Amino acid sequence: MSWKKLLESVSASVTDHLRLRNDDLVAENRLLRHQMDGRVQLTDRERKELAELGAKLGKKALKEIATVARPDTSLAWNRQCADQQVDISKPHPSVGRPRLDNVIEDLVVHMARENRTWGYDRIQGALNHLG
């Protein structure tokens, strides 16, 4: 017997064994689920674990085996977990021009209200004159 045929035989045997184990677990889950009344209360950690596994399996496979949550729910949990993984430890840097001091801002508003005919350039010139 060549090593290729031996490898194929062992691989097929392992695949069949894993398929049987998965089928058995799916059947057990369905039986236990039918015996329960109401919803299964899950912790955030359990939802995250189911979401990660569900995302790896995909919606089609989840439709066949999911008993605790619907496939869409599991995939939604995965999206929420992915959104939460964004680093929020540092505040988001502000975009655009930096803010002025409140004193300067109040002075500009005061000058604009007192001198309605002045434009931006005139107010800027007056501020430069003040220092």
C-alpha atoms as a PDB file:
ATOM      1  CA  MET A   1       0.000   0.000   0.000  1.00  0.00           C
ATOM      2  CA  SER A   2       1.442   3.367  -0.982  1.00  0.00           C
ATOM      3  CA  TRP A   3       1.724   6.202   1.506  1.00  0.00           C
ATOM      4  CA  LYS A   4      -0.776   8.296  -0.501  1.00  0.00           C
ATOM      5  CA  LYS A   5      -3.502   5.674  -0.206  1.00  0.00           C
ATOM      6  CA  LEU A   6      -2.711   5.193   3.467  1.00  0.00           C
ATOM      7  CA  LEU A   7      -2.980   8.938   4.056  1.00  0.00           C
ATOM      8  CA  GLU A   8      -6.277   9.122   2.151  1.00  0.00           C
ATOM      9  CA  SER A   9      -7.661   6.245   4.177  1.00  0.00           C
ATOM     10  CA  VAL A  10      -6.676   7.774   7.515  1.00  0.00           C
ATOM     11  CA  SER A  11      -7.942  11.207   6.433  1.00  0.00           C
ATOM     12  CA  ALA A  12     -11.295   9.785   5.340  1.00  0.00           C
ATOM     13  CA  SER A  13     -11.593   7.859   8.597  1.00  0.00           C
ATOM     14  CA  VAL A  14     -10.885  10.988  10.683  1.00  0.00           C
ATOM     15  CA  THR A  15     -13.289  13.082   8.595  1.00  0.00           C
ATOM     16  CA  ASP A  16     -16.058  10.507   9.000  1.00  0.00           C
ATOM     17  CA  HIS A  17     -15.402  10.313  12.733  1.00  0.00           C
ATOM     18  CA  LEU A  18     -15.553  14.106  13.129  1.00  0.00           C
ATOM     19  CA  ARG A  19     -18.719  14.308  11.044  1.00  0.00           C
ATOM     20  CA  LEU A  20     -20.379  11.671  13.251  1.00  0.00           C
ATOM     21  CA  ARG A  21     -19.340  13.534  16.410  1.00  0.00           C
ATOM     22  CA  ASN A  22     -20.729  16.795  15.046  1.00  0.00           C
ATOM     23  CA  ASP A  23     -24.005  15.139  14.055  1.00  0.00           C
ATOM     24  CA  ASP A  24     -24.294  13.633  17.535  1.00  0.00           C
ATOM     25  CA  LEU A  25     -23.666  17.009  19.209  1.00  0.00           C
ATOM     26  CA  VAL A  26     -26.230  18.722  16.981  1.00  0.00           C
ATOM     27  CA  ALA A  27     -28.828  16.085  17.816  1.00  0.00           C
ATOM     28  CA  GLU A  28     -28.108  16.364  21.548  1.00  0.00           C
ATOM     29  CA  ASN A  29     -28.382  20.157  21.405  1.00  0.00           C
ATOM     30  CA  ARG A  30     -31.746  19.961  19.663  1.00  0.00           C
ATOM     31  CA  LEU A  31     -33.068  17.451  22.209  1.00  0.00           C
ATOM     32  CA  LEU A  32     -31.931  19.554  25.150  1.00  0.00           C
ATOM     33  CA  ARG A  33     -33.329  22.715  23.581  1.00  0.00           C
ATOM     34  CA  HIS A  34     -36.764  21.102  23.145  1.00  0.00           C
ATOM     35  CA  GLN A  35     -36.784  20.125  26.814  1.00  0.00           C
ATOM     36  CA  MET A  36     -36.189  23.710  27.938  1.00  0.00           C
ATOM     37  CA  ASP A  37     -38.934  26.251  28.455  1.00  0.00           C
ATOM     38  CA  GLY A  38     -38.311  29.856  27.471  1.00  0.00           C
ATOM     39  CA  ARG A  39     -35.187  31.568  26.314  1.00  0.00           C
ATOM     40  CA  VAL A  40     -31.622  30.649  27.156  1.00  0.00           C
ATOM     41  CA  GLN A  41     -30.029  33.437  29.199  1.00  0.00           C
ATOM     42  CA  LEU A  42     -26.525  34.085  27.888  1.00  0.00           C
ATOM     43  CA  THR A  43     -23.750  36.174  29.343  1.00  0.00           C
ATOM     44  CA  ASP A  44     -21.819  38.628  27.186  1.00  0.00           C
ATOM     45  CA  ARG A  45     -18.855  36.251  27.114  1.00  0.00           C
ATOM     46  CA  GLU A  46     -21.083  33.389  25.887  1.00  0.00           C
ATOM     47  CA  ARG A  47     -22.622  35.614  23.206  1.00  0.00           C
ATOM     48  CA  LYS A  48     -19.150  36.655  22.069  1.00  0.00           C
ATOM     49  CA  GLU A  49     -18.006  33.036  21.878  1.00  0.00           C
ATOM     50  CA  LEU A  50     -21.070  31.990  19.863  1.00  0.00           C
ATOM     51  CA  ALA A  51     -20.691  35.040  17.627  1.00  0.00           C
ATOM     52  CA  GLU A  52     -17.055  34.280  16.807  1.00  0.00           C
ATOM     53  CA  LEU A  53     -17.790  30.641  16.015  1.00  0.00           C
ATOM     54  CA  GLY A  54     -20.883  31.583  14.023  1.00  0.00           C
ATOM     55  CA  ALA A  55     -18.935  34.054  11.924  1.00  0.00           C
ATOM     56  CA  LYS A  56     -16.397  31.355  11.081  1.00  0.00           C
ATOM     57  CA  LEU A  57     -19.132  28.887  10.130  1.00  0.00           C
ATOM     58  CA  GLY A  58     -21.215  31.287   8.078  1.00  0.00           C
ATOM     59  CA  LYS A  59     -24.947  31.813   7.800  1.00  0.00           C
ATOM     60  CA  LYS A  60     -25.645  28.710   5.727  1.00  0.00           C
ATOM     61  CA  ALA A  61     -24.068  26.330   8.242  1.00  0.00           C
ATOM     62  CA  LEU A  62     -25.673  28.182  11.154  1.00  0.00           C
ATOM     63  CA  LYS A  63     -29.117  27.634   9.649  1.00  0.00           C
ATOM     64  CA  GLU A  64     -28.521  23.892   9.885  1.00  0.00           C
ATOM     65  CA  ILE A  65     -27.107  23.692  13.408  1.00  0.00           C
ATOM     66  CA  ALA A  66     -27.981  26.804  15.456  1.00  0.00           C
ATOM     67  CA  THR A  67     -30.400  26.099  18.292  1.00  0.00           C
ATOM     68  CA  VAL A  68     -29.709  28.780  20.913  1.00  0.00           C
ATOM     69  CA  ALA A  69     -29.930  31.820  18.637  1.00  0.00           C
ATOM     70  CA  ARG A  70     -30.970  32.456  15.075  1.00  0.00           C
ATOM     71  CA  PRO A  71     -28.168  32.816  12.518  1.00  0.00           C
ATOM     72  CA  ASP A  72     -28.936  36.509  11.963  1.00  0.00           C
ATOM     73  CA  THR A  73     -28.769  37.130  15.711  1.00  0.00           C
ATOM     74  CA  SER A  74     -25.426  35.363  16.019  1.00  0.00           C
ATOM     75  CA  LEU A  75     -23.976  37.329  13.124  1.00  0.00           C
ATOM     76  CA  ALA A  76     -25.335  40.577  14.605  1.00  0.00           C
ATOM     77  CA  TRP A  77     -23.586  39.738  17.885  1.00  0.00           C
ATOM     78  CA  ASN A  78     -20.372  39.290  15.904  1.00  0.00           C
ATOM     79  CA  ARG A  79     -20.764  42.716  14.302  1.00  0.00           C
ATOM     80  CA  GLN A  80     -21.353  44.274  17.727  1.00  0.00           C
ATOM     81  CA  CYS A  81     -18.267  42.548  19.130  1.00  0.00           C
ATOM     82  CA  ALA A  82     -16.200  43.772  16.200  1.00  0.00           C
ATOM     83  CA  ASP A  83     -17.468  47.316  16.773  1.00  0.00           C
ATOM     84  CA  GLN A  84     -16.493  47.123  20.441  1.00  0.00           C
ATOM     85  CA  GLN A  85     -12.938  46.093  19.615  1.00  0.00           C
ATOM     86  CA  VAL A  86     -12.176  49.602  18.437  1.00  0.00           C
ATOM     87  CA  ASP A  87      -9.652  51.190  20.794  1.00  0.00           C
ATOM     88  CA  ILE A  88     -11.393  53.873  22.832  1.00  0.00           C
ATOM     89  CA  SER A  89      -8.683  54.257  25.474  1.00  0.00           C
ATOM     90  CA  LYS A  90      -7.484  57.560  23.993  1.00  0.00           C
ATOM     91  CA  PRO A  91      -9.855  60.359  23.078  1.00  0.00           C
ATOM     92  CA  HIS A  92     -10.336  60.825  19.366  1.00  0.00           C
ATOM     93  CA  PRO A  93      -8.081  63.629  18.107  1.00  0.00           C
ATOM     94  CA  SER A  94     -10.112  66.623  17.043  1.00  0.00           C
ATOM     95  CA  VAL A  95     -10.185  67.408  13.373  1.00  0.00           C
ATOM     96  CA  GLY A  96      -9.624  70.844  11.939  1.00  0.00           C
ATOM     97  CA  ARG A  97      -8.334  74.064  13.346  1.00  0.00           C
ATOM     98  CA  PRO A  98      -7.600  74.147  17.097  1.00  0.00           C
ATOM     99  CA  ARG A  99     -10.055  76.038  19.292  1.00  0.00           C
ATOM    100  CA  LEU A 100      -9.324  79.586  20.431  1.00  0.00           C
ATOM    101  CA  ASP A 101      -9.201  80.623  24.048  1.00  0.00           C
ATOM    102  CA  ASN A 102     -12.592  81.679  25.387  1.00  0.00           C
ATOM    103  CA  VAL A 103     -11.254  85.170  26.091  1.00  0.00           C
ATOM    104  CA  ILE A 104     -10.243  85.692  22.448  1.00  0.00           C
ATOM    105  CA  GLU A 105     -13.480  84.169  21.190  1.00  0.00           C
ATOM    106  CA  ASP A 106     -15.543  86.482  23.413  1.00  0.00           C
ATOM    107  CA  LEU A 107     -13.491  89.494  22.255  1.00  0.00           C
ATOM    108  CA  VAL A 108     -14.048  88.655  18.557  1.00  0.00           C
ATOM    109  CA  VAL A 109     -17.798  88.241  19.103  1.00  0.00           C
ATOM    110  CA  HIS A 110     -17.919  91.522  21.068  1.00  0.00           C
ATOM    111  CA  MET A 111     -16.028  93.394  18.303  1.00  0.00           C
ATOM    112  CA  ALA A 112     -18.277  91.929  15.591  1.00  0.00           C
ATOM    113  CA  ARG A 113     -21.445  92.965  17.443  1.00  0.00           C
ATOM    114  CA  GLU A 114     -20.247  96.511  18.157  1.00  0.00           C
ATOM    115  CA  ASN A 115     -18.914  97.072  14.620  1.00  0.00           C
ATOM    116  CA  ARG A 116     -21.415  95.454  12.262  1.00  0.00           C
ATOM    117  CA  THR A 117     -19.689  96.827   9.152  1.00  0.00           C
ATOM    118  CA  TRP A 118     -16.365  95.195   9.968  1.00  0.00           C
ATOM    119  CA  GLY A 119     -15.488  92.003   8.134  1.00  0.00           C
ATOM    120  CA  TYR A 120     -13.109  89.206   9.053  1.00  0.00           C
ATOM    121  CA  ASP A 121     -10.043  91.044   7.785  1.00  0.00           C
ATOM    122  CA  ARG A 122     -10.831  94.208   9.767  1.00  0.00           C
ATOM    123  CA  ILE A 123     -11.421  92.250  12.995  1.00  0.00           C
ATOM    124  CA  GLN A 124      -8.168  90.347  12.443  1.00  0.00           C
ATOM    125  CA  GLY A 125      -6.322  93.633  11.909  1.00  0.00           C
ATOM    126  CA  ALA A 126      -7.777  95.056  15.124  1.00  0.00           C
ATOM    127  CA  LEU A 127      -6.717  91.930  17.031  1.00  0.00           C
ATOM    128  CA  ASN A 128      -3.194  92.217  15.603  1.00  0.00           C
ATOM    129  CA  HIS A 129      -3.113  95.862  16.678  1.00  0.00           C
ATOM    130  CA  LEU A 130      -4.070  94.828  20.229  1.00  0.00           C
ATOM    131  CA  GLY A 131      -1.380  92.182  20.250  1.00  0.00           C
END
